[in-house]
C-alpha atoms as a PDB file:
ATOM      1  CA  UNK A   1     143.904 -71.966 -91.977  1.00  0.00           C
ATOM      2  CA  UNK A   2     143.697 -75.667 -92.715  1.00  0.00           C
ATOM      3  CA  UNK A   3     140.684 -77.831 -91.963  1.00  0.00           C
ATOM      4  CA  UNK A   4     142.294 -79.611 -89.011  1.00  0.00           C
ATOM      5  CA  UNK A   5     142.896 -76.324 -87.206  1.00  0.00           C
ATOM      6  CA  UNK A   6     139.366 -75.118 -87.984  1.00  0.00           C
ATOM      7  CA  UNK A   7     137.933 -78.364 -86.622  1.00  0.00           C
ATOM      8  CA  UNK A   8     139.940 -78.047 -83.410  1.00  0.00           C
ATOM      9  CA  UNK A   9     138.871 -74.431 -82.880  1.00  0.00           C
ATOM     10  CA  UNK A  10     135.276 -75.257 -83.873  1.00  0.00           C
ATOM     11  CA  UNK A  11     135.118 -78.194 -81.462  1.00  0.00           C
ATOM     12  CA  UNK A  12     136.308 -76.011 -78.601  1.00  0.00           C
ATOM     13  CA  UNK A  13     133.813 -73.302 -79.601  1.00  0.00           C
ATOM     14  CA  UNK A  14     130.966 -75.839 -79.684  1.00  0.00           C
ATOM     15  CA  UNK A  15     131.901 -77.152 -76.246  1.00  0.00           C
ATOM     16  CA  UNK A  16     131.988 -73.623 -74.836  1.00  0.00           C
ATOM     17  CA  UNK A  17     128.658 -72.844 -76.518  1.00  0.00           C
ATOM     18  CA  UNK A  18     127.036 -75.977 -75.062  1.00  0.00           C
ATOM     19  CA  UNK A  19     128.319 -75.282 -71.554  1.00  0.00           C
ATOM     20  CA  UNK A  20     127.346 -71.599 -71.548  1.00  0.00           C
ATOM     21  CA  UNK A  21     123.961 -72.338 -73.152  1.00  0.00           C
ATOM     22  CA  UNK A  22     123.094 -75.038 -70.603  1.00  0.00           C
ATOM     23  CA  UNK A  23     124.138 -72.914 -67.629  1.00  0.00           C
ATOM     24  CA  UNK A  24     122.106 -69.978 -68.893  1.00  0.00           C
ATOM     25  CA  UNK A  25     119.120 -72.243 -69.576  1.00  0.00           C
ATOM     26  CA  UNK A  26     119.283 -73.651 -66.047  1.00  0.00           C
ATOM     27  CA  UNK A  27     119.472 -70.171 -64.542  1.00  0.00           C
ATOM     28  CA  UNK A  28     116.538 -68.873 -66.597  1.00  0.00           C
ATOM     29  CA  UNK A  29     114.499 -71.996 -65.794  1.00  0.00           C
ATOM     30  CA  UNK A  30     114.327 -70.882 -62.172  1.00  0.00           C
ATOM     31  CA  UNK A  31     112.266 -67.810 -63.052  1.00  0.00           C
ATOM     32  CA  UNK A  32     108.923 -67.734 -61.232  1.00  0.00           C
ATOM     33  CA  UNK A  33     106.938 -67.507 -64.473  1.00  0.00           C
ATOM     34  CA  UNK A  34     108.461 -70.741 -65.745  1.00  0.00           C
ATOM     35  CA  UNK A  35     108.306 -72.612 -62.437  1.00  0.00           C
ATOM     36  CA  UNK A  36     104.604 -71.900 -61.876  1.00  0.00           C
ATOM     37  CA  UNK A  37     103.192 -73.389 -65.072  1.00  0.00           C
ATOM     38  CA  UNK A  38     103.788 -76.873 -66.479  1.00  0.00           C
ATOM     39  CA  UNK A  39     102.884 -75.743 -70.004  1.00  0.00           C
ATOM     40  CA  UNK A  40     105.347 -72.864 -69.872  1.00  0.00           C
ATOM     41  CA  UNK A  41     107.988 -75.321 -68.632  1.00  0.00           C
ATOM     42  CA  UNK A  42     107.327 -77.669 -71.559  1.00  0.00           C
ATOM     43  CA  UNK A  43     107.581 -74.808 -74.050  1.00  0.00           C
ATOM     44  CA  UNK A  44     110.670 -73.365 -72.377  1.00  0.00           C
ATOM     45  CA  UNK A  45     112.555 -76.647 -72.262  1.00  0.00           C
ATOM     46  CA  UNK A  46     111.685 -77.373 -75.895  1.00  0.00           C
ATOM     47  CA  UNK A  47     113.020 -73.978 -76.981  1.00  0.00           C
ATOM     48  CA  UNK A  48     116.041 -74.107 -74.657  1.00  0.00           C
ATOM     49  CA  UNK A  49     116.844 -77.679 -75.666  1.00  0.00           C
ATOM     50  CA  UNK A  50     116.783 -76.998 -79.391  1.00  0.00           C
ATOM     51  CA  UNK A  51     117.792 -73.343 -79.346  1.00  0.00           C
ATOM     52  CA  UNK A  52     121.532 -74.002 -79.249  1.00  0.00           C
ATOM     53  CA  UNK A  53     121.381 -75.441 -82.773  1.00  0.00           C
ATOM     54  CA  UNK A  54     120.934 -72.018 -84.427  1.00  0.00           C
ATOM     55  CA  UNK A  55     124.169 -70.523 -83.029  1.00  0.00           C
ATOM     56  CA  UNK A  56     126.018 -73.820 -83.596  1.00  0.00           C
ATOM     57  CA  UNK A  57     125.236 -74.037 -87.314  1.00  0.00           C
ATOM     58  CA  UNK A  58     127.593 -71.218 -88.411  1.00  0.00           C
ATOM     59  CA  UNK A  59     130.380 -72.829 -86.390  1.00  0.00           C
ATOM     60  CA  UNK A  60     129.802 -76.232 -88.002  1.00  0.00           C
ATOM     61  CA  UNK A  61     129.593 -74.656 -91.465  1.00  0.00           C
ATOM     62  CA  UNK A  62     132.860 -72.809 -90.880  1.00  0.00           C
ATOM     63  CA  UNK A  63     134.531 -75.984 -89.602  1.00  0.00           C
ATOM     64  CA  UNK A  64     133.565 -78.050 -92.637  1.00  0.00           C
ATOM     65  CA  UNK A  65     134.709 -75.617 -95.346  1.00  0.00           C
ATOM     66  CA  UNK A  66     137.319 -77.175 -97.626  1.00  0.00           C
ATOM     67  CA  UNK A  67     140.900 -75.972 -97.524  1.00  0.00           C
ATOM     68  CA  UNK A  68     141.710 -73.163 -99.978  1.00  0.00           C
ATOM     69  CA  UNK A  69     143.841 -74.332-102.878  1.00  0.00           C
END
């Protein structure tokens, strides 16, 4: 698979990841434990806001591999 195809597939995968991650984060944020405490909210939003990076890194690494010769 050439790099252009990998980048197209990777871009679509990253968009899907971002959409699914944000919808799940919004749904979980409505939990009573999170809503009741400001400190838990701060911690949750920090983890939820940065947590998508870990699953995105393998996708980005795969996208940027050079073409096989």
